[in-house]
């Protein structure tokens, strides 16, 4: 996780350390108060069914040399 944490958008709250759904709702409310009119909520539940696994594994392997972790992810 520490390897990739810096890559995530500051607007991302799902499954992040020290972040919660409650904080995401507070941020969305803040945006509305600032006059923004659109809030996007995405759910990645089907992401791994659709992603190009070879490309994903290549991208992961360029950031980490942890072969047991990569094998676990591939499974």
PDB file of N, CA and C in Angstrom:
ATOM      1  N   UNK A   1       0.811  -1.198   0.000  1.00  0.00           N
ATOM      2  CA  UNK A   1       0.000   0.000   0.000  1.00  0.00           C
ATOM      3  C   UNK A   1       0.859   1.269   0.000  1.00  0.00           C
ATOM      4  N   UNK A   2       1.911   1.373   0.792  1.00  0.00           N
ATOM      5  CA  UNK A   2       2.689   2.612   0.787  1.00  0.00           C
ATOM      6  C   UNK A   2       3.281   2.942  -0.582  1.00  0.00           C
ATOM      7  N   UNK A   3       3.565   1.923  -1.381  1.00  0.00           N
ATOM      8  CA  UNK A   3       4.135   2.159  -2.705  1.00  0.00           C
ATOM      9  C   UNK A   3       3.165   2.927  -3.586  1.00  0.00           C
ATOM     10  N   UNK A   4       1.867   2.645  -3.453  1.00  0.00           N
ATOM     11  CA  UNK A   4       0.869   3.213  -4.351  1.00  0.00           C
ATOM     12  C   UNK A   4       0.067   4.358  -3.758  1.00  0.00           C
ATOM     13  N   UNK A   5       0.117   4.558  -2.469  1.00  0.00           N
ATOM     14  CA  UNK A   5      -0.722   5.572  -1.823  1.00  0.00           C
ATOM     15  C   UNK A   5      -0.552   6.949  -2.459  1.00  0.00           C
ATOM     16  N   UNK A   6       0.661   7.317  -2.802  1.00  0.00           N
ATOM     17  CA  UNK A   6       0.906   8.642  -3.394  1.00  0.00           C
ATOM     18  C   UNK A   6       0.293   8.785  -4.781  1.00  0.00           C
ATOM     19  N   UNK A   7      -0.059   7.677  -5.425  1.00  0.00           N
ATOM     20  CA  UNK A   7      -0.631   7.709  -6.770  1.00  0.00           C
ATOM     21  C   UNK A   7      -2.131   8.019  -6.775  1.00  0.00           C
ATOM     22  N   UNK A   8      -2.796   7.792  -5.657  1.00  0.00           N
ATOM     23  CA  UNK A   8      -4.247   7.968  -5.605  1.00  0.00           C
ATOM     24  C   UNK A   8      -4.629   9.444  -5.553  1.00  0.00           C
ATOM     25  N   UNK A   9      -5.757   9.742  -6.127  1.00  0.00           N
ATOM     26  CA  UNK A   9      -6.297  11.097  -6.090  1.00  0.00           C
ATOM     27  C   UNK A   9      -6.622  11.480  -4.655  1.00  0.00           C
ATOM     28  N   UNK A  10      -6.419  12.739  -4.325  1.00  0.00           N
ATOM     29  CA  UNK A  10      -6.784  13.232  -3.001  1.00  0.00           C
ATOM     30  C   UNK A  10      -8.292  13.124  -2.783  1.00  0.00           C
ATOM     31  N   UNK A  11      -9.048  13.007  -3.851  1.00  0.00           N
ATOM     32  CA  UNK A  11     -10.504  12.890  -3.760  1.00  0.00           C
ATOM     33  C   UNK A  11     -10.970  11.456  -3.564  1.00  0.00           C
ATOM     34  N   UNK A  12     -10.052  10.523  -3.494  1.00  0.00           N
ATOM     35  CA  UNK A  12     -10.391   9.113  -3.333  1.00  0.00           C
ATOM     36  C   UNK A  12     -10.473   8.763  -1.855  1.00  0.00           C
ATOM     37  N   UNK A  13     -11.576   8.123  -1.458  1.00  0.00           N
ATOM     38  CA  UNK A  13     -11.770   7.779  -0.049  1.00  0.00           C
ATOM     39  C   UNK A  13     -11.914   6.278   0.195  1.00  0.00           C
ATOM     40  N   UNK A  14     -12.241   5.502  -0.807  1.00  0.00           N
ATOM     41  CA  UNK A  14     -12.509   4.079  -0.613  1.00  0.00           C
ATOM     42  C   UNK A  14     -11.274   3.272  -0.277  1.00  0.00           C
ATOM     43  N   UNK A  15     -11.347   2.509   0.802  1.00  0.00           N
ATOM     44  CA  UNK A  15     -10.288   1.591   1.204  1.00  0.00           C
ATOM     45  C   UNK A  15      -8.934   2.276   1.333  1.00  0.00           C
ATOM     46  N   UNK A  16      -8.958   3.500   1.864  1.00  0.00           N
ATOM     47  CA  UNK A  16      -7.721   4.258   2.075  1.00  0.00           C
ATOM     48  C   UNK A  16      -7.447   4.390   3.561  1.00  0.00           C
ATOM     49  N   UNK A  17      -6.190   4.359   3.975  1.00  0.00           N
ATOM     50  CA  UNK A  17      -5.885   4.510   5.397  1.00  0.00           C
ATOM     51  C   UNK A  17      -6.320   5.892   5.896  1.00  0.00           C
ATOM     52  N   UNK A  18      -6.893   5.917   7.060  1.00  0.00           N
ATOM     53  CA  UNK A  18      -7.335   7.153   7.717  1.00  0.00           C
ATOM     54  C   UNK A  18      -8.411   7.899   6.936  1.00  0.00           C
ATOM     55  N   UNK A  19      -9.169   7.186   6.087  1.00  0.00           N
ATOM     56  CA  UNK A  19     -10.278   7.799   5.350  1.00  0.00           C
ATOM     57  C   UNK A  19     -11.511   6.934   5.511  1.00  0.00           C
ATOM     58  N   UNK A  20     -12.671   7.574   5.412  1.00  0.00           N
ATOM     59  CA  UNK A  20     -13.909   6.830   5.633  1.00  0.00           C
ATOM     60  C   UNK A  20     -15.008   7.339   4.713  1.00  0.00           C
ATOM     61  N   UNK A  21     -16.078   6.580   4.644  1.00  0.00           N
ATOM     62  CA  UNK A  21     -17.247   7.000   3.864  1.00  0.00           C
ATOM     63  C   UNK A  21     -17.834   8.276   4.454  1.00  0.00           C
ATOM     64  N   UNK A  22     -17.777   8.402   5.765  1.00  0.00           N
ATOM     65  CA  UNK A  22     -18.289   9.608   6.423  1.00  0.00           C
ATOM     66  C   UNK A  22     -17.508  10.844   5.962  1.00  0.00           C
ATOM     67  N   UNK A  23     -16.196  10.718   5.861  1.00  0.00           N
ATOM     68  CA  UNK A  23     -15.374  11.833   5.376  1.00  0.00           C
ATOM     69  C   UNK A  23     -15.702  12.163   3.920  1.00  0.00           C
ATOM     70  N   UNK A  24     -15.968  11.147   3.123  1.00  0.00           N
ATOM     71  CA  UNK A  24     -16.332  11.370   1.720  1.00  0.00           C
ATOM     72  C   UNK A  24     -17.642  12.144   1.637  1.00  0.00           C
ATOM     73  N   UNK A  25     -18.604  11.795   2.479  1.00  0.00           N
ATOM     74  CA  UNK A  25     -19.881  12.518   2.496  1.00  0.00           C
ATOM     75  C   UNK A  25     -19.682  13.959   2.941  1.00  0.00           C
ATOM     76  N   UNK A  26     -18.838  14.183   3.916  1.00  0.00           N
ATOM     77  CA  UNK A  26     -18.557  15.548   4.368  1.00  0.00           C
ATOM     78  C   UNK A  26     -17.934  16.366   3.240  1.00  0.00           C
ATOM     79  N   UNK A  27     -17.007  15.764   2.509  1.00  0.00           N
ATOM     80  CA  UNK A  27     -16.354  16.464   1.398  1.00  0.00           C
ATOM     81  C   UNK A  27     -17.363  16.783   0.296  1.00  0.00           C
ATOM     82  N   UNK A  28     -18.249  15.838   0.004  1.00  0.00           N
ATOM     83  CA  UNK A  28     -19.274  16.077  -1.013  1.00  0.00           C
ATOM     84  C   UNK A  28     -20.174  17.224  -0.577  1.00  0.00           C
ATOM     85  N   UNK A  29     -20.540  17.278   0.676  1.00  0.00           N
ATOM     86  CA  UNK A  29     -21.370  18.376   1.195  1.00  0.00           C
ATOM     87  C   UNK A  29     -20.638  19.703   1.070  1.00  0.00           C
ATOM     88  N   UNK A  30     -19.355  19.698   1.352  1.00  0.00           N
ATOM     89  CA  UNK A  30     -18.546  20.916   1.213  1.00  0.00           C
ATOM     90  C   UNK A  30     -18.562  21.403  -0.234  1.00  0.00           C
ATOM     91  N   UNK A  31     -18.417  20.482  -1.178  1.00  0.00           N
ATOM     92  CA  UNK A  31     -18.436  20.848  -2.589  1.00  0.00           C
ATOM     93  C   UNK A  31     -19.769  21.484  -2.968  1.00  0.00           C
ATOM     94  N   UNK A  32     -20.870  20.931  -2.476  1.00  0.00           N
ATOM     95  CA  UNK A  32     -22.198  21.475  -2.773  1.00  0.00           C
ATOM     96  C   UNK A  32     -22.306  22.888  -2.202  1.00  0.00           C
ATOM     97  N   UNK A  33     -21.828  23.087  -0.977  1.00  0.00           N
ATOM     98  CA  UNK A  33     -21.861  24.412  -0.355  1.00  0.00           C
ATOM     99  C   UNK A  33     -21.028  25.418  -1.137  1.00  0.00           C
ATOM    100  N   UNK A  34     -19.989  24.953  -1.804  1.00  0.00           N
ATOM    101  CA  UNK A  34     -19.129  25.817  -2.622  1.00  0.00           C
ATOM    102  C   UNK A  34     -19.765  26.137  -3.970  1.00  0.00           C
ATOM    103  N   UNK A  35     -20.916  25.523  -4.249  1.00  0.00           N
ATOM    104  CA  UNK A  35     -21.608  25.806  -5.499  1.00  0.00           C
ATOM    105  C   UNK A  35     -21.422  24.776  -6.585  1.00  0.00           C
ATOM    106  N   UNK A  36     -20.687  23.734  -6.315  1.00  0.00           N
ATOM    107  CA  UNK A  36     -20.537  22.678  -7.313  1.00  0.00           C
ATOM    108  C   UNK A  36     -21.858  21.932  -7.426  1.00  0.00           C
ATOM    109  N   UNK A  37     -22.155  21.457  -8.609  1.00  0.00           N
ATOM    110  CA  UNK A  37     -23.463  20.833  -8.847  1.00  0.00           C
ATOM    111  C   UNK A  37     -23.394  19.349  -9.163  1.00  0.00           C
ATOM    112  N   UNK A  38     -22.186  18.789  -9.241  1.00  0.00           N
ATOM    113  CA  UNK A  38     -22.059  17.385  -9.601  1.00  0.00           C
ATOM    114  C   UNK A  38     -21.131  16.674  -8.627  1.00  0.00           C
ATOM    115  N   UNK A  39     -21.593  15.549  -8.130  1.00  0.00           N
ATOM    116  CA  UNK A  39     -20.764  14.671  -7.298  1.00  0.00           C
ATOM    117  C   UNK A  39     -20.778  13.308  -7.971  1.00  0.00           C
ATOM    118  N   UNK A  40     -19.622  12.722  -8.159  1.00  0.00           N
ATOM    119  CA  UNK A  40     -19.532  11.428  -8.821  1.00  0.00           C
ATOM    120  C   UNK A  40     -19.136  10.372  -7.801  1.00  0.00           C
ATOM    121  N   UNK A  41     -19.924   9.317  -7.753  1.00  0.00           N
ATOM    122  CA  UNK A  41     -19.650   8.182  -6.883  1.00  0.00           C
ATOM    123  C   UNK A  41     -19.429   6.979  -7.792  1.00  0.00           C
ATOM    124  N   UNK A  42     -18.262   6.376  -7.684  1.00  0.00           N
ATOM    125  CA  UNK A  42     -17.976   5.212  -8.528  1.00  0.00           C
ATOM    126  C   UNK A  42     -17.775   3.979  -7.667  1.00  0.00           C
ATOM    127  N   UNK A  43     -18.138   2.864  -8.210  1.00  0.00           N
ATOM    128  CA  UNK A  43     -17.979   1.593  -7.525  1.00  0.00           C
ATOM    129  C   UNK A  43     -17.190   0.675  -8.450  1.00  0.00           C
ATOM    130  N   UNK A  44     -16.087   0.197  -7.972  1.00  0.00           N
ATOM    131  CA  UNK A  44     -15.193  -0.609  -8.803  1.00  0.00           C
ATOM    132  C   UNK A  44     -15.419  -2.104  -8.641  1.00  0.00           C
ATOM    133  N   UNK A  45     -16.612  -2.501  -8.195  1.00  0.00           N
ATOM    134  CA  UNK A  45     -16.840  -3.915  -7.906  1.00  0.00           C
ATOM    135  C   UNK A  45     -16.608  -4.821  -9.118  1.00  0.00           C
ATOM    136  N   UNK A  46     -16.841  -4.343 -10.316  1.00  0.00           N
ATOM    137  CA  UNK A  46     -16.638  -5.163 -11.514  1.00  0.00           C
ATOM    138  C   UNK A  46     -15.330  -4.844 -12.243  1.00  0.00           C
ATOM    139  N   UNK A  47     -14.508  -4.003 -11.652  1.00  0.00           N
ATOM    140  CA  UNK A  47     -13.279  -3.579 -12.306  1.00  0.00           C
ATOM    141  C   UNK A  47     -12.405  -4.757 -12.713  1.00  0.00           C
ATOM    142  N   UNK A  48     -12.182  -5.692 -11.795  1.00  0.00           N
ATOM    143  CA  UNK A  48     -11.247  -6.779 -12.079  1.00  0.00           C
ATOM    144  C   UNK A  48     -11.820  -7.808 -13.043  1.00  0.00           C
ATOM    145  N   UNK A  49     -13.117  -7.740 -13.308  1.00  0.00           N
ATOM    146  CA  UNK A  49     -13.703  -8.595 -14.339  1.00  0.00           C
ATOM    147  C   UNK A  49     -13.433  -8.040 -15.731  1.00  0.00           C
ATOM    148  N   UNK A  50     -13.225  -6.725 -15.820  1.00  0.00           N
ATOM    149  CA  UNK A  50     -13.110  -6.073 -17.122  1.00  0.00           C
ATOM    150  C   UNK A  50     -11.694  -5.601 -17.461  1.00  0.00           C
ATOM    151  N   UNK A  51     -10.839  -5.435 -16.464  1.00  0.00           N
ATOM    152  CA  UNK A  51      -9.507  -4.891 -16.703  1.00  0.00           C
ATOM    153  C   UNK A  51      -8.651  -5.865 -17.507  1.00  0.00           C
ATOM    154  N   UNK A  52      -7.760  -5.320 -18.303  1.00  0.00           N
ATOM    155  CA  UNK A  52      -6.783  -6.128 -19.023  1.00  0.00           C
ATOM    156  C   UNK A  52      -5.749  -6.598 -17.998  1.00  0.00           C
ATOM    157  N   UNK A  53      -5.818  -7.872 -17.623  1.00  0.00           N
ATOM    158  CA  UNK A  53      -4.976  -8.378 -16.544  1.00  0.00           C
ATOM    159  C   UNK A  53      -3.488  -8.354 -16.874  1.00  0.00           C
ATOM    160  N   UNK A  54      -3.132  -8.608 -18.109  1.00  0.00           N
ATOM    161  CA  UNK A  54      -1.714  -8.562 -18.482  1.00  0.00           C
ATOM    162  C   UNK A  54      -1.163  -7.149 -18.325  1.00  0.00           C
ATOM    163  N   UNK A  55      -1.929  -6.169 -18.755  1.00  0.00           N
ATOM    164  CA  UNK A  55      -1.497  -4.772 -18.624  1.00  0.00           C
ATOM    165  C   UNK A  55      -1.407  -4.370 -17.147  1.00  0.00           C
ATOM    166  N   UNK A  56      -2.410  -4.789 -16.365  1.00  0.00           N
ATOM    167  CA  UNK A  56      -2.396  -4.497 -14.934  1.00  0.00           C
ATOM    168  C   UNK A  56      -1.164  -5.087 -14.270  1.00  0.00           C
ATOM    169  N   UNK A  57      -0.883  -6.347 -14.546  1.00  0.00           N
ATOM    170  CA  UNK A  57       0.262  -7.004 -13.926  1.00  0.00           C
ATOM    171  C   UNK A  57       1.581  -6.351 -14.350  1.00  0.00           C
ATOM    172  N   UNK A  58       1.659  -5.946 -15.601  1.00  0.00           N
ATOM    173  CA  UNK A  58       2.868  -5.251 -16.056  1.00  0.00           C
ATOM    174  C   UNK A  58       3.055  -3.953 -15.284  1.00  0.00           C
ATOM    175  N   UNK A  59       1.975  -3.164 -15.179  1.00  0.00           N
ATOM    176  CA  UNK A  59       2.060  -1.877 -14.475  1.00  0.00           C
ATOM    177  C   UNK A  59       2.439  -2.085 -13.012  1.00  0.00           C
ATOM    178  N   UNK A  60       1.865  -3.097 -12.384  1.00  0.00           N
ATOM    179  CA  UNK A  60       2.202  -3.378 -10.991  1.00  0.00           C
ATOM    180  C   UNK A  60       3.661  -3.809 -10.854  1.00  0.00           C
ATOM    181  N   UNK A  61       4.126  -4.623 -11.785  1.00  0.00           N
ATOM    182  CA  UNK A  61       5.498  -5.136 -11.704  1.00  0.00           C
ATOM    183  C   UNK A  61       6.538  -4.041 -11.893  1.00  0.00           C
ATOM    184  N   UNK A  62       6.182  -2.956 -12.569  1.00  0.00           N
ATOM    185  CA  UNK A  62       7.143  -1.866 -12.730  1.00  0.00           C
ATOM    186  C   UNK A  62       7.303  -1.055 -11.452  1.00  0.00           C
ATOM    187  N   UNK A  63       6.355  -1.201 -10.522  1.00  0.00           N
ATOM    188  CA  UNK A  63       6.406  -0.451  -9.260  1.00  0.00           C
ATOM    189  C   UNK A  63       6.878  -1.286  -8.082  1.00  0.00           C
ATOM    190  N   UNK A  64       6.757  -2.591  -8.170  1.00  0.00           N
ATOM    191  CA  UNK A  64       7.178  -3.444  -7.053  1.00  0.00           C
ATOM    192  C   UNK A  64       7.880  -4.683  -7.584  1.00  0.00           C
ATOM    193  N   UNK A  65       8.879  -5.106  -6.894  1.00  0.00           N
ATOM    194  CA  UNK A  65       9.581  -6.328  -7.270  1.00  0.00           C
ATOM    195  C   UNK A  65       9.189  -7.497  -6.382  1.00  0.00           C
ATOM    196  N   UNK A  66       8.121  -7.333  -5.642  1.00  0.00           N
ATOM    197  CA  UNK A  66       7.667  -8.353  -4.689  1.00  0.00           C
ATOM    198  C   UNK A  66       6.943  -9.462  -5.451  1.00  0.00           C
ATOM    199  N   UNK A  67       7.708 -10.485  -5.849  1.00  0.00           N
ATOM    200  CA  UNK A  67       7.133 -11.552  -6.677  1.00  0.00           C
ATOM    201  C   UNK A  67       6.023 -12.332  -5.989  1.00  0.00           C
ATOM    202  N   UNK A  68       6.143 -12.656  -4.694  1.00  0.00           N
ATOM    203  CA  UNK A  68       5.001 -13.344  -4.044  1.00  0.00           C
ATOM    204  C   UNK A  68       3.715 -12.503  -4.063  1.00  0.00           C
ATOM    205  N   UNK A  69       3.857 -11.198  -3.890  1.00  0.00           N
ATOM    206  CA  UNK A  69       2.676 -10.327  -3.958  1.00  0.00           C
ATOM    207  C   UNK A  69       2.087 -10.337  -5.359  1.00  0.00           C
ATOM    208  N   UNK A  70       2.908 -10.255  -6.365  1.00  0.00           N
ATOM    209  CA  UNK A  70       2.422 -10.255  -7.745  1.00  0.00           C
ATOM    210  C   UNK A  70       1.729 -11.580  -8.072  1.00  0.00           C
ATOM    211  N   UNK A  71       2.267 -12.699  -7.579  1.00  0.00           N
ATOM    212  CA  UNK A  71       1.624 -13.993  -7.799  1.00  0.00           C
ATOM    213  C   UNK A  71       0.253 -14.047  -7.142  1.00  0.00           C
ATOM    214  N   UNK A  72       0.169 -13.498  -5.939  1.00  0.00           N
ATOM    215  CA  UNK A  72      -1.106 -13.447  -5.226  1.00  0.00           C
ATOM    216  C   UNK A  72      -2.121 -12.605  -5.988  1.00  0.00           C
ATOM    217  N   UNK A  73      -1.701 -11.472  -6.486  1.00  0.00           N
ATOM    218  CA  UNK A  73      -2.597 -10.598  -7.253  1.00  0.00           C
ATOM    219  C   UNK A  73      -3.064 -11.293  -8.521  1.00  0.00           C
ATOM    220  N   UNK A  74      -2.154 -11.970  -9.208  1.00  0.00           N
ATOM    221  CA  UNK A  74      -2.525 -12.642 -10.457  1.00  0.00           C
ATOM    222  C   UNK A  74      -3.599 -13.688 -10.217  1.00  0.00           C
ATOM    223  N   UNK A  75      -3.550 -14.373  -9.075  1.00  0.00           N
ATOM    224  CA  UNK A  75      -4.570 -15.386  -8.762  1.00  0.00           C
ATOM    225  C   UNK A  75      -5.927 -14.743  -8.633  1.00  0.00           C
TER     226      UNK A  75
END
